[in-house]
C-alpha atoms as a PDB file:
ATOM      1  CA  MET A   1      -0.030   0.014  -0.080  1.00  0.00           C
ATOM      2  CA  MET A   2       1.506   3.470  -0.997  1.00  0.00           C
ATOM      3  CA  SER A   3       1.958   6.263   1.557  1.00  0.00           C
ATOM      4  CA  ARG A   4       0.299   9.693   1.177  1.00  0.00           C
ATOM      5  CA  SER A   5       3.596  11.269   0.084  1.00  0.00           C
ATOM      6  CA  GLU A   6       4.153   8.043  -2.551  1.00  0.00           C
ATOM      7  CA  LEU A   7       0.630   8.747  -3.869  1.00  0.00           C
ATOM      8  CA  ALA A   8       1.434  12.582  -4.297  1.00  0.00           C
ATOM      9  CA  ARG A   9       4.835  11.840  -5.981  1.00  0.00           C
ATOM     10  CA  ALA A  10       2.993   9.358  -8.193  1.00  0.00           C
ATOM     11  CA  SER A  11       0.354  12.133  -9.145  1.00  0.00           C
ATOM     12  CA  GLU A  12       2.879  14.562  -9.848  1.00  0.00           C
ATOM     13  CA  LEU A  13       4.770  12.263 -12.077  1.00  0.00           C
ATOM     14  CA  SER A  14       1.592  11.076 -13.887  1.00  0.00           C
ATOM     15  CA  ALA A  15       0.843  14.840 -14.746  1.00  0.00           C
ATOM     16  CA  LEU A  16       1.197  15.944 -18.325  1.00  0.00           C
ATOM     17  CA  LYS A  17       4.308  17.778 -18.996  1.00  0.00           C
ATOM     18  CA  MET A  18       3.262  20.830 -21.159  1.00  0.00           C
ATOM     19  CA  VAL A  19       5.261  23.805 -22.384  1.00  0.00           C
ATOM     20  CA  LEU A  20       4.175  26.874 -24.291  1.00  0.00           C
ATOM     21  CA  VAL A  21       6.863  28.041 -27.032  1.00  0.00           C
ATOM     22  CA  GLY A  22       6.137  31.595 -28.093  1.00  0.00           C
ATOM     23  CA  VAL A  23       8.013  32.459 -31.430  1.00  0.00           C
ATOM     24  CA  GLY A  24       8.722  35.918 -32.977  1.00  0.00           C
ATOM     25  CA  GLY A  25       6.757  39.216 -31.779  1.00  0.00           C
ATOM     26  CA  CYS A  26       3.334  37.894 -31.726  1.00  0.00           C
ATOM     27  CA  GLY A  27       4.392  34.604 -30.088  1.00  0.00           C
ATOM     28  CA  ASN A  28       6.268  36.562 -27.436  1.00  0.00           C
ATOM     29  CA  ASN A  29       3.452  38.769 -26.661  1.00  0.00           C
ATOM     30  CA  THR A  30       1.186  35.673 -26.148  1.00  0.00           C
ATOM     31  CA  VAL A  31       3.729  34.354 -23.789  1.00  0.00           C
ATOM     32  CA  ASN A  32       3.707  37.788 -21.551  1.00  0.00           C
ATOM     33  CA  ASN A  33      -0.167  37.506 -21.752  1.00  0.00           C
ATOM     34  CA  VAL A  34      -0.221  34.015 -20.429  1.00  0.00           C
ATOM     35  CA  LYS A  35       2.116  34.899 -17.572  1.00  0.00           C
ATOM     36  CA  ARG A  36      -0.038  37.967 -17.003  1.00  0.00           C
ATOM     37  CA  TYR A  37      -3.129  35.964 -16.644  1.00  0.00           C
ATOM     38  CA  GLY A  38      -1.408  33.495 -14.299  1.00  0.00           C
ATOM     39  CA  VAL A  39      -1.646  30.283 -16.556  1.00  0.00           C
ATOM     40  CA  ARG A  40       0.168  27.659 -14.838  1.00  0.00           C
ATOM     41  CA  VAL A  41       2.451  26.563 -17.829  1.00  0.00           C
ATOM     42  CA  PRO A  42       6.136  26.654 -18.342  1.00  0.00           C
ATOM     43  CA  THR A  43       7.078  29.304 -21.189  1.00  0.00           C
ATOM     44  CA  VAL A  44       9.886  29.674 -23.687  1.00  0.00           C
ATOM     45  CA  ALA A  45      10.121  32.826 -25.677  1.00  0.00           C
ATOM     46  CA  VAL A  46      12.093  32.376 -29.098  1.00  0.00           C
ATOM     47  CA  ASN A  47      13.093  35.371 -31.016  1.00  0.00           C
ATOM     48  CA  THR A  48      15.683  37.048 -33.588  1.00  0.00           C
ATOM     49  CA  ASP A  49      14.931  40.453 -31.894  1.00  0.00           C
ATOM     50  CA  ALA A  50      17.080  41.070 -28.725  1.00  0.00           C
ATOM     51  CA  PRO A  51      15.313  44.244 -27.441  1.00  0.00           C
ATOM     52  CA  THR A  52      12.041  42.494 -28.000  1.00  0.00           C
ATOM     53  CA  LEU A  53      13.076  39.331 -26.148  1.00  0.00           C
ATOM     54  CA  GLN A  54      14.458  41.541 -23.271  1.00  0.00           C
ATOM     55  CA  ARG A  55      10.873  42.909 -22.432  1.00  0.00           C
ATOM     56  CA  ILE A  56       9.131  39.221 -22.437  1.00  0.00           C
ATOM     57  CA  SER A  57       8.343  37.647 -19.054  1.00  0.00           C
ATOM     58  CA  ALA A  58       9.101  34.065 -20.183  1.00  0.00           C
ATOM     59  CA  ASP A  59      10.814  31.316 -17.883  1.00  0.00           C
ATOM     60  CA  ILE A  60      13.328  30.691 -20.586  1.00  0.00           C
ATOM     61  CA  LYS A  61      14.338  33.381 -23.145  1.00  0.00           C
ATOM     62  CA  ILE A  62      16.207  32.116 -26.458  1.00  0.00           C
ATOM     63  CA  LEU A  63      17.798  34.611 -28.679  1.00  0.00           C
ATOM     64  CA  ILE A  64      18.522  33.056 -32.203  1.00  0.00           C
ATOM     65  CA  GLY A  65      20.709  34.441 -34.934  1.00  0.00           C
ATOM     66  CA  GLU A  66      22.820  36.113 -32.308  1.00  0.00           C
ATOM     67  CA  GLY A  67      26.152  35.489 -34.166  1.00  0.00           C
ATOM     68  CA  ALA A  68      25.266  36.036 -37.786  1.00  0.00           C
ATOM     69  CA  HIS A  69      22.572  38.549 -37.324  1.00  0.00           C
ATOM     70  CA  LYS A  70      23.415  40.192 -33.906  1.00  0.00           C
ATOM     71  CA  GLY A  71      19.875  39.978 -32.694  1.00  0.00           C
ATOM     72  CA  ARG A  72      18.404  42.406 -35.078  1.00  0.00           C
ATOM     73  CA  GLY A  73      15.551  40.423 -36.291  1.00  0.00           C
ATOM     74  CA  ALA A  74      14.656  38.662 -39.433  1.00  0.00           C
ATOM     75  CA  ALA A  75      13.794  41.518 -41.589  1.00  0.00           C
ATOM     76  CA  GLY A  76      10.518  40.442 -42.220  1.00  0.00           C
ATOM     77  CA  SER A  77      11.749  37.275 -44.347  1.00  0.00           C
ATOM     78  CA  PRO A  78      10.331  33.783 -43.382  1.00  0.00           C
ATOM     79  CA  GLU A  79      12.988  32.137 -45.313  1.00  0.00           C
ATOM     80  CA  LEU A  80      15.721  34.136 -42.944  1.00  0.00           C
ATOM     81  CA  GLY A  81      13.610  33.143 -39.923  1.00  0.00           C
ATOM     82  CA  ARG A  82      13.665  29.516 -41.011  1.00  0.00           C
ATOM     83  CA  GLN A  83      17.510  29.414 -41.725  1.00  0.00           C
ATOM     84  CA  ILE A  84      18.363  30.986 -38.403  1.00  0.00           C
ATOM     85  CA  ALA A  85      16.064  28.652 -36.535  1.00  0.00           C
ATOM     86  CA  GLU A  86      17.686  25.736 -38.218  1.00  0.00           C
ATOM     87  CA  GLN A  87      21.175  26.969 -37.256  1.00  0.00           C
ATOM     88  CA  ASP A  88      20.387  27.463 -33.573  1.00  0.00           C
ATOM     89  CA  MET A  89      17.901  24.372 -33.257  1.00  0.00           C
ATOM     90  CA  ASP A  90      19.910  22.666 -30.614  1.00  0.00           C
ATOM     91  CA  LYS A  91      19.449  25.644 -28.262  1.00  0.00           C
ATOM     92  CA  ILE A  92      15.762  25.677 -29.064  1.00  0.00           C
ATOM     93  CA  LEU A  93      14.959  22.068 -28.338  1.00  0.00           C
ATOM     94  CA  THR A  94      17.177  21.522 -25.108  1.00  0.00           C
ATOM     95  CA  PRO A  95      14.410  22.874 -22.708  1.00  0.00           C
ATOM     96  CA  LEU A  96      11.662  20.803 -24.740  1.00  0.00           C
ATOM     97  CA  ARG A  97      13.268  17.327 -24.469  1.00  0.00           C
ATOM     98  CA  ASP A  98      11.331  16.391 -21.260  1.00  0.00           C
ATOM     99  CA  LYS A  99       8.108  17.663 -22.431  1.00  0.00           C
ATOM    100  CA  GLU A 100       5.060  15.687 -23.623  1.00  0.00           C
ATOM    101  CA  LEU A 101       2.946  18.339 -25.099  1.00  0.00           C
ATOM    102  CA  ILE A 102       4.375  21.264 -26.821  1.00  0.00           C
ATOM    103  CA  MET A 103       2.220  24.326 -27.828  1.00  0.00           C
ATOM    104  CA  ILE A 104       3.922  26.556 -30.584  1.00  0.00           C
ATOM    105  CA  THR A 105       2.284  29.997 -30.839  1.00  0.00           C
ATOM    106  CA  ALA A 106       3.279  32.516 -33.519  1.00  0.00           C
ATOM    107  CA  GLY A 107       1.938  35.216 -35.755  1.00  0.00           C
ATOM    108  CA  MET A 108       1.993  34.597 -39.601  1.00  0.00           C
ATOM    109  CA  GLY A 109       3.140  37.302 -41.891  1.00  0.00           C
ATOM    110  CA  GLY A 110       6.527  38.342 -40.591  1.00  0.00           C
ATOM    111  CA  GLY A 111       9.889  36.757 -40.581  1.00  0.00           C
ATOM    112  CA  THR A 112      10.542  34.960 -37.154  1.00  0.00           C
ATOM    113  CA  GLY A 113       7.282  33.671 -36.086  1.00  0.00           C
ATOM    114  CA  THR A 114       6.288  32.729 -39.834  1.00  0.00           C
ATOM    115  CA  GLY A 115       9.594  31.029 -40.695  1.00  0.00           C
ATOM    116  CA  ALA A 116      10.840  29.683 -37.143  1.00  0.00           C
ATOM    117  CA  GLY A 117       7.495  28.700 -35.837  1.00  0.00           C
ATOM    118  CA  PRO A 118       6.791  25.758 -38.321  1.00  0.00           C
ATOM    119  CA  THR A 119      10.685  24.866 -38.535  1.00  0.00           C
ATOM    120  CA  ILE A 120      10.488  24.114 -34.770  1.00  0.00           C
ATOM    121  CA  ALA A 121       7.450  22.023 -35.022  1.00  0.00           C
ATOM    122  CA  GLU A 122       9.150  20.222 -37.769  1.00  0.00           C
ATOM    123  CA  ALA A 123      12.356  19.627 -35.914  1.00  0.00           C
ATOM    124  CA  ILE A 124      10.185  18.386 -32.796  1.00  0.00           C
ATOM    125  CA  LYS A 125       8.363  15.859 -34.740  1.00  0.00           C
ATOM    126  CA  GLU A 126      11.850  14.672 -36.472  1.00  0.00           C
ATOM    127  CA  LYS A 127      13.605  14.296 -33.381  1.00  0.00           C
ATOM    128  CA  PHE A 128      10.935  13.348 -30.972  1.00  0.00           C
ATOM    129  CA  PRO A 129       8.010  11.777 -32.820  1.00  0.00           C
ATOM    130  CA  ASP A 130       6.314  10.563 -29.555  1.00  0.00           C
ATOM    131  CA  LYS A 131       5.615  14.124 -28.756  1.00  0.00           C
ATOM    132  CA  ILE A 132       2.308  16.029 -29.535  1.00  0.00           C
ATOM    133  CA  VAL A 133       2.778  19.559 -31.185  1.00  0.00           C
ATOM    134  CA  ILE A 134      -0.088  21.820 -31.274  1.00  0.00           C
ATOM    135  CA  GLY A 135       0.483  25.152 -33.360  1.00  0.00           C
ATOM    136  CA  ILE A 136      -1.695  28.222 -32.486  1.00  0.00           C
ATOM    137  CA  VAL A 137      -1.205  30.823 -35.202  1.00  0.00           C
ATOM    138  CA  THR A 138      -2.591  34.137 -36.094  1.00  0.00           C
ATOM    139  CA  LEU A 139      -3.424  35.239 -39.638  1.00  0.00           C
ATOM    140  CA  PRO A 140      -2.805  38.920 -40.299  1.00  0.00           C
ATOM    141  CA  PHE A 141      -5.075  41.481 -41.770  1.00  0.00           C
ATOM    142  CA  THR A 142      -5.487  41.063 -45.650  1.00  0.00           C
ATOM    143  CA  SER A 143      -5.103  44.865 -45.536  1.00  0.00           C
ATOM    144  CA  GLU A 144      -1.473  44.478 -44.615  1.00  0.00           C
ATOM    145  CA  GLY A 145      -0.553  43.830 -48.160  1.00  0.00           C
ATOM    146  CA  PRO A 146       0.310  41.189 -50.434  1.00  0.00           C
ATOM    147  CA  THR A 147       3.877  40.599 -48.981  1.00  0.00           C
ATOM    148  CA  ARG A 148       2.603  39.547 -45.353  1.00  0.00           C
ATOM    149  CA  ILE A 149      -0.332  37.757 -47.131  1.00  0.00           C
ATOM    150  CA  ARG A 150       2.179  35.625 -49.038  1.00  0.00           C
ATOM    151  CA  ASN A 151       4.333  35.310 -46.106  1.00  0.00           C
ATOM    152  CA  ALA A 152       1.475  34.033 -44.041  1.00  0.00           C
ATOM    153  CA  GLN A 153       0.291  31.577 -46.624  1.00  0.00           C
ATOM    154  CA  TRP A 154       3.825  29.790 -46.618  1.00  0.00           C
ATOM    155  CA  GLY A 155       3.892  29.783 -42.985  1.00  0.00           C
ATOM    156  CA  LEU A 156       0.499  28.551 -42.254  1.00  0.00           C
ATOM    157  CA  SER A 157       0.973  25.601 -44.825  1.00  0.00           C
ATOM    158  CA  ARG A 158       3.950  24.454 -43.187  1.00  0.00           C
ATOM    159  CA  MET A 159       2.674  24.652 -39.987  1.00  0.00           C
ATOM    160  CA  LEU A 160      -0.347  22.476 -40.842  1.00  0.00           C
ATOM    161  CA  ASP A 161       2.225  20.092 -42.318  1.00  0.00           C
ATOM    162  CA  SER A 162       4.459  20.074 -39.384  1.00  0.00           C
ATOM    163  CA  ALA A 163       2.343  20.263 -36.184  1.00  0.00           C
ATOM    164  CA  ASP A 164      -0.053  17.331 -35.057  1.00  0.00           C
ATOM    165  CA  MET A 165      -2.874  19.960 -34.960  1.00  0.00           C
ATOM    166  CA  THR A 166      -2.898  23.783 -35.715  1.00  0.00           C
ATOM    167  CA  VAL A 167      -5.500  26.089 -34.631  1.00  0.00           C
ATOM    168  CA  VAL A 168      -5.766  29.141 -36.716  1.00  0.00           C
ATOM    169  CA  ASN A 169      -7.162  32.728 -35.573  1.00  0.00           C
ATOM    170  CA  ALA A 170      -7.811  35.271 -38.378  1.00  0.00           C
ATOM    171  CA  ASN A 171      -7.394  38.873 -37.384  1.00  0.00           C
ATOM    172  CA  ASP A 172      -9.973  39.654 -40.452  1.00  0.00           C
ATOM    173  CA  LEU A 173     -12.861  37.791 -38.512  1.00  0.00           C
ATOM    174  CA  LEU A 174     -11.699  39.742 -35.346  1.00  0.00           C
ATOM    175  CA  LYS A 175     -12.116  43.074 -37.124  1.00  0.00           C
ATOM    176  CA  GLU A 176     -15.677  41.657 -38.454  1.00  0.00           C
ATOM    177  CA  ARG A 177     -16.733  41.005 -34.725  1.00  0.00           C
ATOM    178  CA  ALA A 178     -14.928  44.012 -33.210  1.00  0.00           C
ATOM    179  CA  GLY A 179     -17.402  46.440 -34.875  1.00  0.00           C
ATOM    180  CA  ASN A 180     -16.778  49.952 -33.535  1.00  0.00           C
ATOM    181  CA  LEU A 181     -14.338  48.899 -30.987  1.00  0.00           C
ATOM    182  CA  PRO A 182     -10.939  51.076 -30.878  1.00  0.00           C
ATOM    183  CA  VAL A 183      -8.133  49.057 -32.321  1.00  0.00           C
ATOM    184  CA  SER A 184      -6.209  48.537 -28.947  1.00  0.00           C
ATOM    185  CA  GLN A 185      -9.508  47.070 -27.415  1.00  0.00           C
ATOM    186  CA  ALA A 186      -9.999  44.791 -30.437  1.00  0.00           C
ATOM    187  CA  PHE A 187      -6.326  43.359 -30.202  1.00  0.00           C
ATOM    188  CA  ARG A 188      -6.954  42.771 -26.472  1.00  0.00           C
ATOM    189  CA  GLU A 189      -9.952  40.557 -27.480  1.00  0.00           C
ATOM    190  CA  MET A 190      -7.607  38.644 -29.720  1.00  0.00           C
ATOM    191  CA  ASP A 191      -4.915  38.515 -26.831  1.00  0.00           C
ATOM    192  CA  LYS A 192      -7.582  37.102 -24.363  1.00  0.00           C
ATOM    193  CA  LEU A 193      -8.934  34.693 -26.951  1.00  0.00           C
ATOM    194  CA  LEU A 194      -5.238  33.197 -27.333  1.00  0.00           C
ATOM    195  CA  VAL A 195      -4.822  32.952 -23.519  1.00  0.00           C
ATOM    196  CA  ASP A 196      -8.143  31.242 -23.200  1.00  0.00           C
ATOM    197  CA  ILE A 197      -7.176  28.547 -25.809  1.00  0.00           C
ATOM    198  CA  ILE A 198      -3.849  27.900 -24.116  1.00  0.00           C
ATOM    199  CA  ASP A 199      -5.351  28.010 -20.770  1.00  0.00           C
ATOM    200  CA  SER A 200      -8.112  25.415 -21.846  1.00  0.00           C
ATOM    201  CA  ILE A 201      -5.601  22.951 -23.206  1.00  0.00           C
ATOM    202  CA  VAL A 202      -3.387  23.318 -19.806  1.00  0.00           C
ATOM    203  CA  GLY A 203      -6.720  22.894 -17.803  1.00  0.00           C
ATOM    204  CA  LEU A 204      -6.964  19.185 -19.429  1.00  0.00           C
ATOM    205  CA  GLN A 205      -4.680  17.869 -16.991  1.00  0.00           C
ATOM    206  CA  ASP A 206      -6.801  18.969 -13.964  1.00  0.00           C
ATOM    207  CA  ILE A 207     -10.122  17.128 -15.059  1.00  0.00           C
ATOM    208  CA  VAL A 208     -11.725  15.245 -11.950  1.00  0.00           C
ATOM    209  CA  PRO A 209     -13.332  11.990 -12.898  1.00  0.00           C
ATOM    210  CA  GLN A 210     -16.946  12.086 -12.564  1.00  0.00           C
ATOM    211  CA  PRO A 211     -19.429   8.971 -12.729  1.00  0.00           C
ATOM    212  CA  GLY A 212     -21.554   8.556 -15.509  1.00  0.00           C
ATOM    213  CA  LEU A 213     -19.193  10.482 -18.126  1.00  0.00           C
ATOM    214  CA  VAL A 214     -16.341   9.371 -20.594  1.00  0.00           C
ATOM    215  CA  ASN A 215     -13.514  10.951 -18.670  1.00  0.00           C
ATOM    216  CA  ILE A 216     -10.571  12.464 -20.511  1.00  0.00           C
ATOM    217  CA  ASP A 217      -6.985  11.544 -19.727  1.00  0.00           C
ATOM    218  CA  TYR A 218      -4.061  12.203 -21.959  1.00  0.00           C
ATOM    219  CA  SER A 219      -4.313   9.199 -24.120  1.00  0.00           C
ATOM    220  CA  ASN A 220      -7.774  10.227 -25.182  1.00  0.00           C
ATOM    221  CA  MET A 221      -6.226  13.595 -26.348  1.00  0.00           C
ATOM    222  CA  GLU A 222      -3.095  11.995 -27.841  1.00  0.00           C
ATOM    223  CA  VAL A 223      -5.278   9.620 -30.045  1.00  0.00           C
ATOM    224  CA  LEU A 224      -7.586  12.452 -31.380  1.00  0.00           C
ATOM    225  CA  VAL A 225      -4.730  15.359 -31.762  1.00  0.00           C
ATOM    226  CA  ARG A 226      -1.810  13.261 -33.083  1.00  0.00           C
ATOM    227  CA  GLY A 227      -1.616  14.068 -36.993  1.00  0.00           C
ATOM    228  CA  SER A 228      -5.089  15.623 -36.982  1.00  0.00           C
ATOM    229  CA  GLY A 229      -4.287  18.720 -39.117  1.00  0.00           C
ATOM    230  CA  LEU A 230      -6.700  21.519 -38.685  1.00  0.00           C
ATOM    231  CA  GLY A 231      -8.347  21.850 -35.255  1.00  0.00           C
ATOM    232  CA  PHE A 232     -11.008  24.110 -33.754  1.00  0.00           C
ATOM    233  CA  ILE A 233     -10.828  25.348 -29.907  1.00  0.00           C
ATOM    234  CA  GLY A 234     -13.726  27.284 -28.624  1.00  0.00           C
ATOM    235  CA  ILE A 235     -14.218  28.684 -25.204  1.00  0.00           C
ATOM    236  CA  GLY A 236     -17.647  29.706 -24.080  1.00  0.00           C
ATOM    237  CA  ARG A 237     -19.509  30.980 -20.835  1.00  0.00           C
ATOM    238  CA  GLY A 238     -23.011  31.383 -20.111  1.00  0.00           C
ATOM    239  CA  ARG A 239     -25.748  31.371 -17.610  1.00  0.00           C
ATOM    240  CA  SER A 240     -26.086  27.638 -18.265  1.00  0.00           C
ATOM    241  CA  ALA A 241     -23.923  24.783 -19.651  1.00  0.00           C
ATOM    242  CA  MET A 242     -26.069  24.862 -22.779  1.00  0.00           C
ATOM    243  CA  GLU A 243     -25.612  28.675 -23.382  1.00  0.00           C
ATOM    244  CA  ALA A 244     -21.835  28.138 -22.538  1.00  0.00           C
ATOM    245  CA  PHE A 245     -21.584  25.170 -25.157  1.00  0.00           C
ATOM    246  CA  ARG A 246     -23.356  27.621 -27.918  1.00  0.00           C
ATOM    247  CA  ASN A 247     -20.944  30.265 -27.106  1.00  0.00           C
ATOM    248  CA  ALA A 248     -18.020  28.000 -27.388  1.00  0.00           C
ATOM    249  CA  LEU A 249     -19.409  26.955 -30.932  1.00  0.00           C
ATOM    250  CA  ALA A 250     -19.672  30.799 -31.912  1.00  0.00           C
ATOM    251  CA  ALA A 251     -16.252  31.575 -30.530  1.00  0.00           C
ATOM    252  CA  ASN A 252     -14.857  30.744 -34.190  1.00  0.00           C
ATOM    253  CA  TYR A 253     -12.114  32.977 -35.661  1.00  0.00           C
ATOM    254  CA  SER A 254     -11.159  30.567 -38.583  1.00  0.00           C
ATOM    255  CA  GLN A 255     -14.776  29.582 -39.764  1.00  0.00           C
ATOM    256  CA  ALA A 256     -14.035  26.140 -38.790  1.00  0.00           C
ATOM    257  CA  ASP A 257     -16.813  23.518 -39.634  1.00  0.00           C
ATOM    258  CA  ILE A 258     -16.799  20.995 -37.067  1.00  0.00           C
ATOM    259  CA  LYS A 259     -19.178  18.710 -38.870  1.00  0.00           C
ATOM    260  CA  ASN A 260     -17.668  15.008 -39.546  1.00  0.00           C
ATOM    261  CA  ALA A 261     -14.776  15.953 -37.385  1.00  0.00           C
ATOM    262  CA  LYS A 262     -12.339  13.243 -36.432  1.00  0.00           C
ATOM    263  CA  GLY A 263     -13.199  13.676 -32.562  1.00  0.00           C
ATOM    264  CA  ALA A 264     -14.103  16.150 -29.725  1.00  0.00           C
ATOM    265  CA  ILE A 265     -12.926  16.741 -26.421  1.00  0.00           C
ATOM    266  CA  VAL A 266     -15.390  18.700 -24.001  1.00  0.00           C
ATOM    267  CA  TYR A 267     -14.905  19.670 -20.562  1.00  0.00           C
ATOM    268  CA  VAL A 268     -16.987  22.098 -18.458  1.00  0.00           C
ATOM    269  CA  GLU A 269     -16.204  24.162 -15.490  1.00  0.00           C
ATOM    270  CA  GLY A 270     -18.449  25.448 -12.862  1.00  0.00           C
ATOM    271  CA  ASN A 271     -19.648  25.191  -9.287  1.00  0.00           C
ATOM    272  CA  GLN A 272     -21.836  22.198  -8.562  1.00  0.00           C
ATOM    273  CA  SER A 273     -25.246  23.928  -8.563  1.00  0.00           C
ATOM    274  CA  GLN A 274     -24.507  25.056 -11.987  1.00  0.00           C
ATOM    275  CA  LEU A 275     -23.644  21.706 -13.444  1.00  0.00           C
ATOM    276  CA  VAL A 276     -27.187  20.025 -14.095  1.00  0.00           C
ATOM    277  CA  MET A 277     -26.609  16.211 -15.302  1.00  0.00           C
ATOM    278  CA  ARG A 278     -29.663  16.450 -17.792  1.00  0.00           C
ATOM    279  CA  GLU A 279     -28.319  19.384 -19.472  1.00  0.00           C
ATOM    280  CA  LEU A 280     -24.529  18.094 -19.544  1.00  0.00           C
ATOM    281  CA  ASP A 281     -25.857  14.806 -21.283  1.00  0.00           C
ATOM    282  CA  ARG A 282     -27.581  16.884 -24.083  1.00  0.00           C
ATOM    283  CA  ILE A 283     -23.990  18.287 -25.267  1.00  0.00           C
ATOM    284  CA  PRO A 284     -22.338  15.174 -26.497  1.00  0.00           C
ATOM    285  CA  GLN A 285     -25.654  13.972 -27.802  1.00  0.00           C
ATOM    286  CA  MET A 286     -25.733  17.046 -30.049  1.00  0.00           C
ATOM    287  CA  LEU A 287     -22.256  16.637 -30.990  1.00  0.00           C
ATOM    288  CA  SER A 288     -23.164  13.212 -32.103  1.00  0.00           C
ATOM    289  CA  SER A 289     -26.517  13.680 -33.801  1.00  0.00           C
ATOM    290  CA  ASP A 290     -26.122  17.328 -35.213  1.00  0.00           C
ATOM    291  CA  TYR A 291     -22.345  17.267 -36.231  1.00  0.00           C
ATOM    292  CA  ASN A 292     -21.820  13.605 -36.700  1.00  0.00           C
ATOM    293  CA  ILE A 293     -18.823  13.265 -34.544  1.00  0.00           C
ATOM    294  CA  MET A 294     -18.564   9.870 -33.318  1.00  0.00           C
ATOM    295  CA  SER A 295     -15.412   9.811 -30.916  1.00  0.00           C
ATOM    296  CA  ILE A 296     -16.140  12.299 -27.940  1.00  0.00           C
ATOM    297  CA  PHE A 297     -14.484  12.585 -24.678  1.00  0.00           C
ATOM    298  CA  TRP A 298     -16.261  14.461 -21.722  1.00  0.00           C
ATOM    299  CA  GLY A 299     -14.796  15.925 -18.765  1.00  0.00           C
ATOM    300  CA  VAL A 300     -15.917  18.116 -15.644  1.00  0.00           C
ATOM    301  CA  LYS A 301     -13.905  20.443 -13.638  1.00  0.00           C
ATOM    302  CA  PRO A 302     -15.499  21.692 -10.457  1.00  0.00           C
ATOM    303  CA  ASN A 303     -14.816  25.366  -9.820  1.00  0.00           C
ATOM    304  CA  TRP A 304     -16.656  27.024  -7.079  1.00  0.00           C
ATOM    305  CA  LYS A 305     -14.973  30.555  -8.029  1.00  0.00           C
ATOM    306  CA  LEU A 306     -17.039  30.795 -11.403  1.00  0.00           C
ATOM    307  CA  TYR A 307     -20.259  32.867 -11.446  1.00  0.00           C
ATOM    308  CA  GLU A 308     -21.547  30.893 -14.520  1.00  0.00           C
ATOM    309  CA  PRO A 309     -20.509  27.756 -16.221  1.00  0.00           C
ATOM    310  CA  LYS A 310     -17.534  27.584 -18.807  1.00  0.00           C
ATOM    311  CA  ILE A 311     -17.024  25.217 -21.578  1.00  0.00           C
ATOM    312  CA  MET A 312     -14.099  24.235 -23.635  1.00  0.00           C
ATOM    313  CA  LEU A 313     -14.527  22.503 -27.071  1.00  0.00           C
ATOM    314  CA  LEU A 314     -11.911  20.953 -28.715  1.00  0.00           C
ATOM    315  CA  ALA A 315     -12.649  19.367 -32.268  1.00  0.00           C
ATOM    316  CA  THR A 316      -9.797  17.848 -34.397  1.00  0.00           C
ATOM    317  CA  GLY A 317      -9.732  17.006 -37.964  1.00  0.00           C
ATOM    318  CA  VAL A 318     -12.049  19.861 -38.907  1.00  0.00           C
ATOM    319  CA  ARG A 319     -12.358  21.942 -42.254  1.00  0.00           C
ATOM    320  CA  SER A 320     -12.436  25.649 -42.916  1.00  0.00           C
ATOM    321  CA  GLU A 321     -12.994  27.472 -46.061  1.00  0.00           C
ATOM    322  CA  LEU A 322     -11.144  30.701 -44.859  1.00  0.00           C
ATOM    323  CA  VAL A 323      -8.058  28.392 -44.248  1.00  0.00           C
ATOM    324  CA  ASP A 324      -8.691  26.692 -47.679  1.00  0.00           C
ATOM    325  CA  ARG A 325      -8.858  30.224 -49.382  1.00  0.00           C
ATOM    326  CA  TRP A 326      -5.371  31.268 -47.631  1.00  0.00           C
ATOM    327  CA  LEU A 327      -3.585  28.127 -48.858  1.00  0.00           C
ATOM    328  CA  GLN A 328      -4.946  28.314 -52.229  1.00  0.00           C
ATOM    329  CA  GLY A 329      -3.674  32.008 -52.551  1.00  0.00           C
ATOM    330  CA  GLY A 330      -7.451  33.243 -52.815  1.00  0.00           C
ATOM    331  CA  ILE A 331      -6.801  36.004 -50.256  1.00  0.00           C
ATOM    332  CA  GLY A 332      -6.282  39.696 -50.917  1.00  0.00           C
END
């Protein structure tokens, strides 16, 4: 029989080892926001720009291209960003060796994030094929011009090829939904969306087993995420679990279509009085009947601090006309 300390140690060892890698200016900014919101995940910031990297609150900071490019950035060239990352790849991979799930976040359109982000994902899968890599990328406004659009198309295609799953958020959809919000506030909305997505992935390791539900563990997520291509993660809050679920479906910044998805993971947070079993049962039924998703895993995470239920919906192997247009060059 195991002692209490031995059980605690076993639980600690079984906890999923995650890390967030923010690449380039946008990725570094996401790392800062994750730290500010108190998301419990180790962070690594990678950049070619020394002054930007100096301002980032990451657990580990990695300046790449320091020798040849003197920490002055990738000059908006994804090819240069790729070359610099390849040259310093050992430095980048060292803090990732003991991790099981690696999230890589980057903005597409510039040099470092676009070029180095997918290159890091590719190197991880080549050297550590057992690890799961999730790419979280942001597409630029189409009004930013043809050069950034072409760069983003190149980077998006490579991230989809390299990562196990890639979650895409488009700034054009942010602009549509922001309406008359000031630009700074609109960008804060996207910042919060990225933090919510990362926080929801991190939260998967804290799911409490509940009787009557198909509970989530790492093997479930691994099967659904590995080699699944385009993914969708929606976070919703509402006065009821069903309202939160509908809001999670609507939190869609890639026009993702989850019908016939490879699979789905859903977990709900809330205090016990908010979690009505009859209502919770309806959600996987809807995913099965309305969206034809056959592989569904459910989890519940009691959280007495929440005033209203919160739901995370992760769907793998989804489709998106918006992403298809980007990949086919039909943007701009």
